[in-house]
Amino acid sequence: MKSSDHRGIGMTSQRTRSRMVDRLRADGVRDEVVLGVMADIPRHIFVDEALAHRAYENVSLPLGFGQTISQPYIVARMTELVRNGSPLERVLEVGTGCAYQTSILSKVAREVYSIERLASLLDKARQHLRELRILNVRLKHGDGHQGIPEAAPFDAILITAAASHVPTALLSQLKIGGRMVLPLGTHEQHLYLIERTDQGFTETKLEAVKFVPLLAGLA
């Protein structure tokens, strides 16, 4: 069993977490609110105990089920992009995974809705959120391409798996003035920022990334 003490010791300590945040700042993450949350949320509880000593390295780590926990820089960068310097009301996350990104979002938004196609991963995510006493997240077992229309519209949508195209259903769930951040591409992937205006959607291509694919259906 993992300890319920989130402070950690040695390679999972608060000091190690602070060094991670210093690296994020050096790598160009500017939003101090996001950096503060990254310092507060214990990443080591989201990974297998055998990998806990690597939790604060800037690497993605395996979760099982063919999924990974994104590297801290990508989590911070995507959160910074959807936040855009302002508090968020309602956010949709597509691809809950282990709920690390979910937990970060829960500290910068009033409400977070997160959808995951793998039931076994969703069970783990629930345990992690319970352990951290995070109460403003609603989880759903479902196909991320469909989003959660009953909770729309969303200020921000963050997709944590690579899509071949922007899912149409998700565009319709983004409110006017809202921002969507997602990886797009198959062989080569880039982060994209989609913004919805009164006139339609604008798309900005950002840095190269590497994510697992966004799959359809339930498992």
N, C-alpha and C. Protein backbone atom coordinates (compact mmCIF):
# COMPACT_ATOMS: atom_id res chain seq x y z
N MET A 1 0.85 -1.20 0.00
CA MET A 1 0.00 0.00 0.00
C MET A 1 0.88 1.25 0.00
N LYS A 2 0.44 2.24 -0.72
CA LYS A 2 1.15 3.51 -0.68
C LYS A 2 0.80 4.25 0.61
N SER A 3 1.75 5.01 1.09
CA SER A 3 1.49 5.83 2.27
C SER A 3 0.50 6.93 1.91
N SER A 4 -0.33 7.30 2.88
CA SER A 4 -1.27 8.39 2.62
C SER A 4 -0.63 9.75 2.92
N ASP A 5 0.65 9.73 3.33
CA ASP A 5 1.38 10.98 3.55
C ASP A 5 1.89 11.48 2.21
N HIS A 6 1.39 12.62 1.75
CA HIS A 6 1.71 13.11 0.41
C HIS A 6 2.99 13.93 0.37
N ARG A 7 3.58 14.18 1.54
CA ARG A 7 4.77 15.04 1.53
C ARG A 7 5.94 14.33 0.86
N GLY A 8 6.06 13.03 1.09
CA GLY A 8 7.14 12.26 0.47
C GLY A 8 8.47 12.48 1.18
N ILE A 9 9.40 11.58 0.89
CA ILE A 9 10.76 11.70 1.44
C ILE A 9 11.74 11.49 0.30
N GLY A 10 12.95 12.00 0.48
CA GLY A 10 13.98 11.76 -0.54
C GLY A 10 13.56 12.26 -1.91
N MET A 11 13.48 11.30 -2.86
CA MET A 11 13.19 11.65 -4.25
C MET A 11 11.72 12.03 -4.48
N THR A 12 10.87 11.94 -3.46
CA THR A 12 9.47 12.37 -3.60
C THR A 12 9.17 13.56 -2.68
N SER A 13 10.19 14.19 -2.18
CA SER A 13 10.00 15.25 -1.19
C SER A 13 9.57 16.57 -1.82
N GLN A 14 9.15 17.50 -0.96
CA GLN A 14 8.75 18.83 -1.42
C GLN A 14 9.92 19.54 -2.08
N ARG A 15 11.12 19.30 -1.59
CA ARG A 15 12.31 19.92 -2.19
C ARG A 15 12.49 19.45 -3.64
N THR A 16 12.28 18.15 -3.86
CA THR A 16 12.38 17.58 -5.21
C THR A 16 11.32 18.21 -6.11
N ARG A 17 10.12 18.40 -5.57
CA ARG A 17 9.02 19.03 -6.30
C ARG A 17 9.37 20.47 -6.67
N SER A 18 10.00 21.18 -5.74
CA SER A 18 10.40 22.56 -6.00
C SER A 18 11.45 22.64 -7.10
N ARG A 19 12.35 21.66 -7.14
CA ARG A 19 13.36 21.63 -8.22
C ARG A 19 12.68 21.41 -9.57
N MET A 20 11.65 20.55 -9.59
CA MET A 20 10.89 20.32 -10.82
C MET A 20 10.28 21.64 -11.31
N VAL A 21 9.70 22.41 -10.38
CA VAL A 21 9.06 23.68 -10.74
C VAL A 21 10.11 24.67 -11.25
N ASP A 22 11.28 24.68 -10.65
CA ASP A 22 12.36 25.55 -11.15
C ASP A 22 12.71 25.21 -12.59
N ARG A 23 12.72 23.90 -12.91
CA ARG A 23 13.02 23.48 -14.29
C ARG A 23 11.91 23.91 -15.24
N LEU A 24 10.66 23.79 -14.78
CA LEU A 24 9.52 24.21 -15.62
C LEU A 24 9.62 25.70 -15.94
N ARG A 25 9.99 26.48 -14.94
CA ARG A 25 10.14 27.93 -15.12
C ARG A 25 11.26 28.21 -16.12
N ALA A 26 12.35 27.47 -15.98
CA ALA A 26 13.49 27.64 -16.89
C ALA A 26 13.13 27.22 -18.32
N ASP A 27 12.21 26.27 -18.44
CA ASP A 27 11.78 25.79 -19.76
C ASP A 27 10.72 26.68 -20.40
N GLY A 28 10.29 27.74 -19.69
CA GLY A 28 9.42 28.73 -20.32
C GLY A 28 8.00 28.79 -19.80
N VAL A 29 7.65 27.99 -18.78
CA VAL A 29 6.31 28.10 -18.21
C VAL A 29 6.27 29.38 -17.36
N ARG A 30 5.34 30.27 -17.67
CA ARG A 30 5.33 31.60 -17.07
C ARG A 30 4.21 31.81 -16.03
N ASP A 31 3.17 30.99 -16.10
CA ASP A 31 2.00 31.20 -15.24
C ASP A 31 2.32 30.74 -13.82
N GLU A 32 2.48 31.69 -12.91
CA GLU A 32 2.88 31.36 -11.54
C GLU A 32 1.79 30.61 -10.78
N VAL A 33 0.53 30.81 -11.17
CA VAL A 33 -0.55 30.03 -10.56
C VAL A 33 -0.38 28.55 -10.90
N VAL A 34 -0.13 28.27 -12.16
CA VAL A 34 0.09 26.89 -12.60
C VAL A 34 1.33 26.30 -11.93
N LEU A 35 2.40 27.06 -11.87
CA LEU A 35 3.63 26.58 -11.23
C LEU A 35 3.39 26.27 -9.75
N GLY A 36 2.60 27.09 -9.08
CA GLY A 36 2.28 26.86 -7.67
C GLY A 36 1.51 25.57 -7.48
N VAL A 37 0.57 25.30 -8.39
CA VAL A 37 -0.21 24.05 -8.31
C VAL A 37 0.68 22.84 -8.59
N MET A 38 1.58 22.98 -9.56
CA MET A 38 2.51 21.89 -9.87
C MET A 38 3.38 21.56 -8.65
N ALA A 39 3.70 22.57 -7.86
CA ALA A 39 4.49 22.35 -6.65
C ALA A 39 3.67 21.67 -5.56
N ASP A 40 2.37 21.91 -5.56
CA ASP A 40 1.50 21.40 -4.49
C ASP A 40 1.04 19.96 -4.70
N ILE A 41 0.76 19.60 -5.97
CA ILE A 41 0.18 18.28 -6.23
C ILE A 41 1.29 17.22 -6.28
N PRO A 42 1.20 16.18 -5.46
CA PRO A 42 2.26 15.16 -5.39
C PRO A 42 2.18 14.17 -6.56
N ARG A 43 3.04 14.33 -7.57
CA ARG A 43 2.98 13.47 -8.76
C ARG A 43 3.30 12.01 -8.42
N HIS A 44 4.09 11.79 -7.35
CA HIS A 44 4.52 10.41 -7.06
C HIS A 44 3.38 9.48 -6.69
N ILE A 45 2.25 10.03 -6.21
CA ILE A 45 1.15 9.13 -5.84
C ILE A 45 0.42 8.59 -7.08
N PHE A 46 0.65 9.21 -8.25
CA PHE A 46 -0.06 8.81 -9.46
C PHE A 46 0.66 7.72 -10.26
N VAL A 47 1.89 7.40 -9.86
CA VAL A 47 2.66 6.39 -10.60
C VAL A 47 2.88 5.17 -9.71
N ASP A 48 3.23 4.06 -10.33
CA ASP A 48 3.54 2.85 -9.57
C ASP A 48 4.66 3.14 -8.59
N GLU A 49 4.58 2.49 -7.44
CA GLU A 49 5.57 2.74 -6.39
C GLU A 49 7.00 2.53 -6.89
N ALA A 50 7.18 1.55 -7.79
CA ALA A 50 8.52 1.26 -8.32
C ALA A 50 9.08 2.42 -9.15
N LEU A 51 8.20 3.31 -9.61
CA LEU A 51 8.63 4.46 -10.44
C LEU A 51 8.58 5.77 -9.67
N ALA A 52 8.21 5.72 -8.39
CA ALA A 52 8.02 6.95 -7.61
C ALA A 52 9.28 7.81 -7.58
N HIS A 53 10.46 7.17 -7.59
CA HIS A 53 11.71 7.94 -7.53
C HIS A 53 11.95 8.74 -8.80
N ARG A 54 11.19 8.45 -9.87
CA ARG A 54 11.32 9.19 -11.14
C ARG A 54 10.16 10.17 -11.35
N ALA A 55 9.29 10.29 -10.37
CA ALA A 55 8.04 11.05 -10.55
C ALA A 55 8.28 12.51 -10.90
N TYR A 56 9.39 13.10 -10.44
CA TYR A 56 9.59 14.55 -10.66
C TYR A 56 10.63 14.83 -11.74
N GLU A 57 11.00 13.79 -12.49
CA GLU A 57 11.80 14.00 -13.69
C GLU A 57 10.85 14.48 -14.79
N ASN A 58 11.41 15.20 -15.76
CA ASN A 58 10.57 15.72 -16.85
C ASN A 58 10.40 14.66 -17.94
N VAL A 59 9.77 13.55 -17.57
CA VAL A 59 9.55 12.44 -18.50
C VAL A 59 8.13 11.93 -18.33
N SER A 60 7.60 11.33 -19.42
CA SER A 60 6.34 10.59 -19.28
C SER A 60 6.68 9.22 -18.72
N LEU A 61 5.74 8.62 -18.00
CA LEU A 61 5.97 7.32 -17.37
C LEU A 61 4.79 6.39 -17.67
N PRO A 62 5.05 5.09 -17.78
CA PRO A 62 3.97 4.16 -18.11
C PRO A 62 2.97 3.98 -16.97
N LEU A 63 1.70 3.86 -17.34
CA LEU A 63 0.63 3.64 -16.36
C LEU A 63 0.06 2.23 -16.47
N GLY A 64 0.49 1.47 -17.50
CA GLY A 64 -0.20 0.23 -17.83
C GLY A 64 -1.35 0.54 -18.77
N PHE A 65 -1.98 -0.50 -19.31
CA PHE A 65 -3.11 -0.36 -20.25
C PHE A 65 -2.70 0.42 -21.50
N GLY A 66 -1.38 0.44 -21.81
CA GLY A 66 -0.91 1.16 -22.98
C GLY A 66 -0.96 2.67 -22.85
N GLN A 67 -1.10 3.17 -21.62
CA GLN A 67 -1.23 4.62 -21.38
C GLN A 67 -0.01 5.15 -20.63
N THR A 68 0.15 6.45 -20.65
CA THR A 68 1.26 7.09 -19.93
C THR A 68 0.75 8.30 -19.14
N ILE A 69 1.53 8.68 -18.13
CA ILE A 69 1.32 9.96 -17.45
C ILE A 69 2.23 10.97 -18.16
N SER A 70 1.68 12.08 -18.62
CA SER A 70 2.44 13.06 -19.40
C SER A 70 3.57 13.66 -18.57
N GLN A 71 4.62 14.10 -19.27
CA GLN A 71 5.74 14.74 -18.58
C GLN A 71 5.26 16.05 -17.94
N PRO A 72 5.83 16.44 -16.80
CA PRO A 72 5.37 17.65 -16.10
C PRO A 72 5.33 18.89 -16.98
N TYR A 73 6.32 19.06 -17.87
CA TYR A 73 6.33 20.26 -18.72
C TYR A 73 5.05 20.34 -19.56
N ILE A 74 4.64 19.21 -20.15
CA ILE A 74 3.46 19.21 -21.02
C ILE A 74 2.19 19.50 -20.21
N VAL A 75 2.10 18.92 -19.00
CA VAL A 75 0.95 19.18 -18.13
C VAL A 75 0.87 20.67 -17.79
N ALA A 76 2.01 21.25 -17.42
CA ALA A 76 2.04 22.67 -17.07
C ALA A 76 1.74 23.55 -18.29
N ARG A 77 2.32 23.20 -19.42
CA ARG A 77 2.15 23.99 -20.65
C ARG A 77 0.69 23.99 -21.11
N MET A 78 0.06 22.80 -21.12
CA MET A 78 -1.33 22.72 -21.57
C MET A 78 -2.27 23.44 -20.60
N THR A 79 -1.96 23.34 -19.31
CA THR A 79 -2.78 24.04 -18.31
C THR A 79 -2.64 25.55 -18.47
N GLU A 80 -1.41 26.01 -18.68
CA GLU A 80 -1.14 27.44 -18.89
C GLU A 80 -1.90 27.94 -20.12
N LEU A 81 -1.92 27.14 -21.18
CA LEU A 81 -2.58 27.55 -22.42
C LEU A 81 -4.09 27.68 -22.25
N VAL A 82 -4.72 26.71 -21.58
CA VAL A 82 -6.19 26.82 -21.42
C VAL A 82 -6.55 27.89 -20.40
N ARG A 83 -5.68 28.10 -19.41
CA ARG A 83 -5.99 29.09 -18.38
C ARG A 83 -5.87 30.51 -18.93
N ASN A 84 -4.85 30.74 -19.73
CA ASN A 84 -4.66 32.04 -20.38
C ASN A 84 -4.67 33.20 -19.38
N GLY A 85 -4.10 32.96 -18.19
CA GLY A 85 -3.95 34.02 -17.20
C GLY A 85 -5.19 34.33 -16.38
N SER A 86 -6.27 33.56 -16.56
CA SER A 86 -7.52 33.85 -15.83
C SER A 86 -8.09 32.58 -15.20
N PRO A 87 -8.80 32.73 -14.07
CA PRO A 87 -9.47 31.58 -13.47
C PRO A 87 -10.49 30.99 -14.44
N LEU A 88 -10.67 29.68 -14.39
CA LEU A 88 -11.61 28.99 -15.26
C LEU A 88 -12.86 28.58 -14.47
N GLU A 89 -13.98 28.57 -15.15
CA GLU A 89 -15.22 28.10 -14.52
C GLU A 89 -15.37 26.60 -14.74
N ARG A 90 -15.73 26.19 -15.94
CA ARG A 90 -16.03 24.78 -16.24
C ARG A 90 -15.09 24.27 -17.33
N VAL A 91 -14.40 23.18 -17.03
CA VAL A 91 -13.40 22.62 -17.94
C VAL A 91 -13.75 21.17 -18.26
N LEU A 92 -13.53 20.78 -19.51
CA LEU A 92 -13.64 19.38 -19.92
C LEU A 92 -12.24 18.85 -20.21
N GLU A 93 -11.92 17.72 -19.59
CA GLU A 93 -10.68 17.00 -19.92
C GLU A 93 -11.07 15.70 -20.61
N VAL A 94 -10.47 15.45 -21.76
CA VAL A 94 -10.70 14.20 -22.50
C VAL A 94 -9.48 13.31 -22.30
N GLY A 95 -9.69 12.19 -21.59
CA GLY A 95 -8.59 11.27 -21.28
C GLY A 95 -8.12 11.48 -19.85
N THR A 96 -8.88 10.95 -18.89
CA THR A 96 -8.56 11.15 -17.47
C THR A 96 -7.24 10.51 -17.09
N GLY A 97 -6.97 9.32 -17.66
CA GLY A 97 -5.74 8.60 -17.30
C GLY A 97 -5.69 8.34 -15.81
N CYS A 98 -4.55 8.66 -15.18
CA CYS A 98 -4.39 8.43 -13.74
C CYS A 98 -4.94 9.60 -12.92
N ALA A 99 -5.37 10.67 -13.59
CA ALA A 99 -5.97 11.88 -12.96
C ALA A 99 -4.93 12.87 -12.45
N TYR A 100 -3.68 12.79 -12.91
CA TYR A 100 -2.70 13.81 -12.51
C TYR A 100 -3.05 15.15 -13.15
N GLN A 101 -3.23 15.16 -14.48
CA GLN A 101 -3.63 16.41 -15.14
C GLN A 101 -4.98 16.89 -14.60
N THR A 102 -5.89 15.97 -14.32
CA THR A 102 -7.19 16.30 -13.74
C THR A 102 -7.03 17.06 -12.43
N SER A 103 -6.12 16.57 -11.59
CA SER A 103 -5.88 17.19 -10.28
C SER A 103 -5.33 18.60 -10.43
N ILE A 104 -4.43 18.79 -11.39
CA ILE A 104 -3.89 20.13 -11.66
C ILE A 104 -5.02 21.06 -12.10
N LEU A 105 -5.86 20.58 -13.02
CA LEU A 105 -6.99 21.40 -13.49
C LEU A 105 -7.95 21.74 -12.36
N SER A 106 -8.13 20.81 -11.41
CA SER A 106 -9.09 21.03 -10.32
C SER A 106 -8.71 22.23 -9.46
N LYS A 107 -7.44 22.62 -9.50
CA LYS A 107 -6.97 23.74 -8.68
C LYS A 107 -7.01 25.08 -9.43
N VAL A 108 -7.30 25.03 -10.74
CA VAL A 108 -7.35 26.29 -11.51
C VAL A 108 -8.73 26.52 -12.13
N ALA A 109 -9.68 25.60 -11.83
CA ALA A 109 -11.04 25.73 -12.37
C ALA A 109 -12.05 25.43 -11.26
N ARG A 110 -13.22 26.02 -11.39
CA ARG A 110 -14.27 25.79 -10.39
C ARG A 110 -14.83 24.37 -10.50
N GLU A 111 -15.01 23.91 -11.75
CA GLU A 111 -15.55 22.57 -11.99
C GLU A 111 -14.77 21.90 -13.11
N VAL A 112 -14.44 20.63 -12.92
CA VAL A 112 -13.76 19.86 -13.96
C VAL A 112 -14.59 18.62 -14.27
N TYR A 113 -14.86 18.42 -15.56
CA TYR A 113 -15.49 17.19 -16.04
C TYR A 113 -14.42 16.44 -16.83
N SER A 114 -14.28 15.16 -16.54
CA SER A 114 -13.23 14.39 -17.20
C SER A 114 -13.80 13.06 -17.67
N ILE A 115 -13.46 12.70 -18.91
CA ILE A 115 -14.01 11.49 -19.52
C ILE A 115 -12.87 10.54 -19.89
N GLU A 116 -13.07 9.25 -19.62
CA GLU A 116 -12.05 8.22 -19.87
C GLU A 116 -12.73 6.97 -20.43
N ARG A 117 -12.12 6.38 -21.47
CA ARG A 117 -12.72 5.19 -22.10
C ARG A 117 -12.36 3.89 -21.39
N LEU A 118 -11.28 3.88 -20.60
CA LEU A 118 -10.83 2.66 -19.93
C LEU A 118 -11.35 2.62 -18.49
N ALA A 119 -12.27 1.69 -18.22
CA ALA A 119 -12.90 1.62 -16.90
C ALA A 119 -11.87 1.36 -15.79
N SER A 120 -10.87 0.52 -16.08
CA SER A 120 -9.89 0.19 -15.04
C SER A 120 -9.03 1.40 -14.68
N LEU A 121 -8.73 2.25 -15.66
CA LEU A 121 -7.98 3.48 -15.37
C LEU A 121 -8.85 4.46 -14.58
N LEU A 122 -10.12 4.51 -14.92
CA LEU A 122 -11.03 5.42 -14.23
C LEU A 122 -11.14 5.06 -12.74
N ASP A 123 -11.12 3.77 -12.44
CA ASP A 123 -11.14 3.33 -11.03
C ASP A 123 -9.92 3.86 -10.28
N LYS A 124 -8.75 3.76 -10.93
CA LYS A 124 -7.52 4.28 -10.31
C LYS A 124 -7.60 5.79 -10.12
N ALA A 125 -8.13 6.47 -11.13
CA ALA A 125 -8.27 7.93 -11.07
C ALA A 125 -9.15 8.32 -9.88
N ARG A 126 -10.25 7.61 -9.69
CA ARG A 126 -11.16 7.89 -8.56
C ARG A 126 -10.42 7.76 -7.23
N GLN A 127 -9.61 6.71 -7.10
CA GLN A 127 -8.84 6.49 -5.86
C GLN A 127 -7.89 7.67 -5.60
N HIS A 128 -7.21 8.12 -6.65
CA HIS A 128 -6.26 9.22 -6.49
C HIS A 128 -6.96 10.52 -6.08
N LEU A 129 -8.08 10.81 -6.70
CA LEU A 129 -8.82 12.03 -6.37
C LEU A 129 -9.36 11.97 -4.94
N ARG A 130 -9.78 10.78 -4.54
CA ARG A 130 -10.27 10.58 -3.17
C ARG A 130 -9.12 10.80 -2.18
N GLU A 131 -7.96 10.24 -2.51
CA GLU A 131 -6.79 10.36 -1.62
C GLU A 131 -6.39 11.82 -1.41
N LEU A 132 -6.54 12.62 -2.46
CA LEU A 132 -6.19 14.05 -2.36
C LEU A 132 -7.38 14.91 -1.93
N ARG A 133 -8.52 14.27 -1.68
CA ARG A 133 -9.74 14.97 -1.24
C ARG A 133 -10.16 16.06 -2.23
N ILE A 134 -10.07 15.74 -3.51
CA ILE A 134 -10.49 16.66 -4.57
C ILE A 134 -11.97 16.41 -4.86
N LEU A 135 -12.79 17.43 -4.67
CA LEU A 135 -14.25 17.25 -4.71
C LEU A 135 -14.93 17.95 -5.89
N ASN A 136 -14.18 18.73 -6.67
CA ASN A 136 -14.82 19.51 -7.74
C ASN A 136 -14.62 18.88 -9.12
N VAL A 137 -14.41 17.55 -9.15
CA VAL A 137 -14.21 16.83 -10.41
C VAL A 137 -15.34 15.83 -10.59
N ARG A 138 -15.91 15.77 -11.81
CA ARG A 138 -16.91 14.77 -12.16
C ARG A 138 -16.30 13.86 -13.23
N LEU A 139 -16.25 12.57 -12.95
CA LEU A 139 -15.67 11.61 -13.89
C LEU A 139 -16.77 10.87 -14.65
N LYS A 140 -16.46 10.54 -15.92
CA LYS A 140 -17.43 9.80 -16.73
C LYS A 140 -16.70 8.73 -17.53
N HIS A 141 -17.26 7.52 -17.58
CA HIS A 141 -16.76 6.46 -18.44
C HIS A 141 -17.42 6.64 -19.80
N GLY A 142 -16.64 7.01 -20.79
CA GLY A 142 -17.25 7.27 -22.09
C GLY A 142 -16.20 7.47 -23.18
N ASP A 143 -16.67 7.67 -24.40
CA ASP A 143 -15.83 7.90 -25.57
C ASP A 143 -15.51 9.40 -25.64
N GLY A 144 -14.24 9.73 -25.52
CA GLY A 144 -13.83 11.13 -25.48
C GLY A 144 -14.20 11.93 -26.71
N HIS A 145 -14.33 11.25 -27.87
CA HIS A 145 -14.73 11.96 -29.10
C HIS A 145 -16.09 12.62 -28.94
N GLN A 146 -16.93 12.06 -28.07
CA GLN A 146 -18.29 12.58 -27.90
C GLN A 146 -18.38 13.69 -26.86
N GLY A 147 -17.33 13.79 -26.00
CA GLY A 147 -17.35 14.80 -24.94
C GLY A 147 -18.44 14.51 -23.92
N ILE A 148 -18.89 15.56 -23.24
CA ILE A 148 -19.98 15.43 -22.26
C ILE A 148 -20.98 16.54 -22.56
N PRO A 149 -21.82 16.34 -23.59
CA PRO A 149 -22.72 17.42 -24.03
C PRO A 149 -23.65 17.94 -22.95
N GLU A 150 -24.05 17.05 -22.01
CA GLU A 150 -25.00 17.47 -20.98
C GLU A 150 -24.39 18.48 -20.00
N ALA A 151 -23.07 18.59 -19.98
CA ALA A 151 -22.40 19.55 -19.08
C ALA A 151 -21.89 20.79 -19.83
N ALA A 152 -22.00 20.78 -21.17
CA ALA A 152 -21.50 21.90 -21.99
C ALA A 152 -22.39 23.13 -21.79
N PRO A 153 -21.89 24.34 -22.13
CA PRO A 153 -20.60 24.61 -22.76
C PRO A 153 -19.46 24.74 -21.74
N PHE A 154 -18.24 24.54 -22.23
CA PHE A 154 -17.05 24.60 -21.40
C PHE A 154 -16.20 25.82 -21.74
N ASP A 155 -15.62 26.43 -20.71
CA ASP A 155 -14.64 27.52 -20.91
C ASP A 155 -13.41 27.00 -21.64
N ALA A 156 -13.04 25.76 -21.30
CA ALA A 156 -11.81 25.19 -21.83
C ALA A 156 -11.97 23.69 -22.00
N ILE A 157 -11.34 23.15 -23.03
CA ILE A 157 -11.30 21.70 -23.27
C ILE A 157 -9.84 21.32 -23.47
N LEU A 158 -9.41 20.33 -22.72
CA LEU A 158 -8.02 19.87 -22.80
C LEU A 158 -8.05 18.38 -23.14
N ILE A 159 -7.36 17.99 -24.22
CA ILE A 159 -7.37 16.60 -24.69
C ILE A 159 -5.97 16.02 -24.49
N THR A 160 -5.91 14.89 -23.80
CA THR A 160 -4.60 14.34 -23.39
C THR A 160 -4.19 13.12 -24.21
N ALA A 161 -4.74 13.00 -25.42
CA ALA A 161 -4.32 11.96 -26.36
C ALA A 161 -4.38 12.56 -27.76
N ALA A 162 -3.57 12.01 -28.67
CA ALA A 162 -3.44 12.63 -29.99
C ALA A 162 -4.57 12.22 -30.93
N ALA A 163 -5.25 13.21 -31.45
CA ALA A 163 -6.33 12.99 -32.41
C ALA A 163 -5.81 13.19 -33.83
N SER A 164 -6.46 12.53 -34.80
CA SER A 164 -6.08 12.74 -36.20
C SER A 164 -6.73 14.01 -36.74
N HIS A 165 -7.83 14.43 -36.08
CA HIS A 165 -8.53 15.67 -36.44
C HIS A 165 -9.24 16.16 -35.19
N VAL A 166 -9.70 17.39 -35.22
CA VAL A 166 -10.41 17.93 -34.06
C VAL A 166 -11.82 17.35 -34.04
N PRO A 167 -12.21 16.61 -32.98
CA PRO A 167 -13.55 16.02 -32.95
C PRO A 167 -14.63 17.11 -33.01
N THR A 168 -15.53 16.97 -33.98
CA THR A 168 -16.58 17.97 -34.21
C THR A 168 -17.46 18.19 -32.98
N ALA A 169 -17.79 17.09 -32.29
CA ALA A 169 -18.65 17.19 -31.10
C ALA A 169 -18.02 18.08 -30.04
N LEU A 170 -16.70 18.03 -29.94
CA LEU A 170 -16.01 18.82 -28.92
C LEU A 170 -16.00 20.30 -29.28
N LEU A 171 -15.88 20.61 -30.58
CA LEU A 171 -15.94 22.02 -31.01
C LEU A 171 -17.27 22.64 -30.60
N SER A 172 -18.34 21.88 -30.74
CA SER A 172 -19.67 22.43 -30.42
C SER A 172 -19.87 22.60 -28.92
N GLN A 173 -19.03 21.92 -28.11
CA GLN A 173 -19.16 22.02 -26.64
C GLN A 173 -18.28 23.12 -26.05
N LEU A 174 -17.50 23.79 -26.89
CA LEU A 174 -16.64 24.89 -26.44
C LEU A 174 -17.43 26.19 -26.52
N LYS A 175 -17.45 26.94 -25.43
CA LYS A 175 -18.24 28.17 -25.46
C LYS A 175 -17.51 29.27 -26.25
N ILE A 176 -18.24 30.26 -26.70
CA ILE A 176 -17.63 31.39 -27.41
C ILE A 176 -16.69 32.10 -26.43
N GLY A 177 -15.46 32.32 -26.87
CA GLY A 177 -14.44 32.86 -25.98
C GLY A 177 -13.61 31.77 -25.33
N GLY A 178 -13.98 30.50 -25.56
CA GLY A 178 -13.28 29.37 -24.94
C GLY A 178 -12.05 28.93 -25.72
N ARG A 179 -11.24 28.11 -25.05
CA ARG A 179 -9.98 27.64 -25.65
C ARG A 179 -9.89 26.11 -25.52
N MET A 180 -9.45 25.47 -26.59
CA MET A 180 -9.20 24.03 -26.58
C MET A 180 -7.72 23.81 -26.89
N VAL A 181 -7.10 22.90 -26.12
CA VAL A 181 -5.70 22.55 -26.38
C VAL A 181 -5.64 21.04 -26.58
N LEU A 182 -5.01 20.63 -27.67
CA LEU A 182 -4.92 19.19 -27.95
C LEU A 182 -3.73 18.88 -28.83
N PRO A 183 -3.21 17.65 -28.74
CA PRO A 183 -2.21 17.19 -29.70
C PRO A 183 -2.91 16.67 -30.95
N LEU A 184 -2.40 17.04 -32.11
CA LEU A 184 -2.97 16.59 -33.38
C LEU A 184 -1.89 15.95 -34.23
N GLY A 185 -2.26 14.88 -34.92
CA GLY A 185 -1.32 14.23 -35.82
C GLY A 185 -1.19 12.75 -35.52
N THR A 186 -0.64 12.01 -36.51
CA THR A 186 -0.44 10.57 -36.32
C THR A 186 1.05 10.28 -36.18
N HIS A 187 1.80 10.39 -37.26
CA HIS A 187 3.26 10.15 -37.18
C HIS A 187 3.95 11.33 -36.51
N GLU A 188 3.64 12.52 -36.97
CA GLU A 188 4.18 13.73 -36.35
C GLU A 188 3.04 14.43 -35.63
N GLN A 189 3.26 14.78 -34.38
CA GLN A 189 2.21 15.43 -33.59
C GLN A 189 2.67 16.81 -33.14
N HIS A 190 1.72 17.74 -33.10
CA HIS A 190 1.97 19.07 -32.54
C HIS A 190 0.81 19.44 -31.62
N LEU A 191 1.13 20.26 -30.63
CA LEU A 191 0.06 20.84 -29.83
C LEU A 191 -0.63 21.91 -30.67
N TYR A 192 -1.94 21.99 -30.53
CA TYR A 192 -2.72 23.04 -31.20
C TYR A 192 -3.58 23.75 -30.17
N LEU A 193 -3.71 25.05 -30.37
CA LEU A 193 -4.63 25.86 -29.59
C LEU A 193 -5.78 26.25 -30.51
N ILE A 194 -7.00 25.87 -30.14
CA ILE A 194 -8.21 26.25 -30.89
C ILE A 194 -8.98 27.26 -30.05
N GLU A 195 -9.29 28.40 -30.64
CA GLU A 195 -10.06 29.42 -29.92
C GLU A 195 -11.37 29.66 -30.65
N ARG A 196 -12.46 29.72 -29.88
CA ARG A 196 -13.78 29.97 -30.49
C ARG A 196 -14.15 31.43 -30.32
N THR A 197 -14.46 32.07 -31.43
CA THR A 197 -14.88 33.47 -31.41
C THR A 197 -16.30 33.57 -31.98
N ASP A 198 -16.84 34.77 -31.99
CA ASP A 198 -18.16 34.98 -32.60
C ASP A 198 -18.15 34.60 -34.08
N GLN A 199 -16.99 34.74 -34.71
CA GLN A 199 -16.87 34.48 -36.15
C GLN A 199 -16.60 33.00 -36.47
N GLY A 200 -16.21 32.21 -35.46
CA GLY A 200 -15.87 30.81 -35.74
C GLY A 200 -14.70 30.36 -34.89
N PHE A 201 -13.79 29.60 -35.51
CA PHE A 201 -12.66 29.02 -34.77
C PHE A 201 -11.34 29.46 -35.38
N THR A 202 -10.38 29.77 -34.52
CA THR A 202 -9.01 30.03 -35.00
C THR A 202 -8.11 28.93 -34.45
N GLU A 203 -7.10 28.58 -35.21
CA GLU A 203 -6.23 27.45 -34.87
C GLU A 203 -4.78 27.91 -34.89
N THR A 204 -4.05 27.61 -33.82
CA THR A 204 -2.62 27.97 -33.73
C THR A 204 -1.81 26.71 -33.49
N LYS A 205 -0.83 26.46 -34.37
CA LYS A 205 0.05 25.30 -34.24
C LYS A 205 1.20 25.66 -33.31
N LEU A 206 1.46 24.79 -32.33
CA LEU A 206 2.49 25.04 -31.33
C LEU A 206 3.59 23.98 -31.43
N GLU A 207 4.21 23.63 -30.31
CA GLU A 207 5.38 22.76 -30.36
C GLU A 207 5.07 21.30 -30.67
N ALA A 208 6.11 20.58 -31.12
CA ALA A 208 6.00 19.14 -31.37
C ALA A 208 5.86 18.39 -30.05
N VAL A 209 5.01 17.35 -30.06
CA VAL A 209 4.75 16.56 -28.85
C VAL A 209 4.65 15.08 -29.22
N LYS A 210 4.53 14.24 -28.21
CA LYS A 210 4.34 12.79 -28.45
C LYS A 210 3.34 12.26 -27.43
N PHE A 211 2.15 11.87 -27.89
CA PHE A 211 1.07 11.35 -27.05
C PHE A 211 0.61 10.01 -27.59
N VAL A 212 -0.04 9.23 -26.71
CA VAL A 212 -0.72 8.02 -27.18
C VAL A 212 -1.93 8.47 -28.00
N PRO A 213 -2.42 7.63 -28.92
CA PRO A 213 -3.55 8.05 -29.78
C PRO A 213 -4.87 8.12 -29.02
N LEU A 214 -5.73 9.03 -29.50
CA LEU A 214 -7.09 9.14 -28.97
C LEU A 214 -7.95 8.08 -29.66
N LEU A 215 -8.36 7.07 -28.89
CA LEU A 215 -9.12 5.95 -29.47
C LEU A 215 -10.61 6.10 -29.20
N ALA A 216 -11.40 5.51 -30.07
CA ALA A 216 -12.86 5.55 -29.93
C ALA A 216 -13.33 4.32 -29.14
N GLY A 217 -14.58 4.37 -28.69
CA GLY A 217 -15.18 3.23 -28.01
C GLY A 217 -14.82 3.13 -26.55
N LEU A 218 -15.37 2.12 -25.88
CA LEU A 218 -15.15 1.91 -24.44
C LEU A 218 -14.39 0.61 -24.20
N ALA A 219 -13.70 0.57 -23.08
CA ALA A 219 -12.97 -0.65 -22.71
C ALA A 219 -12.96 -0.77 -21.19
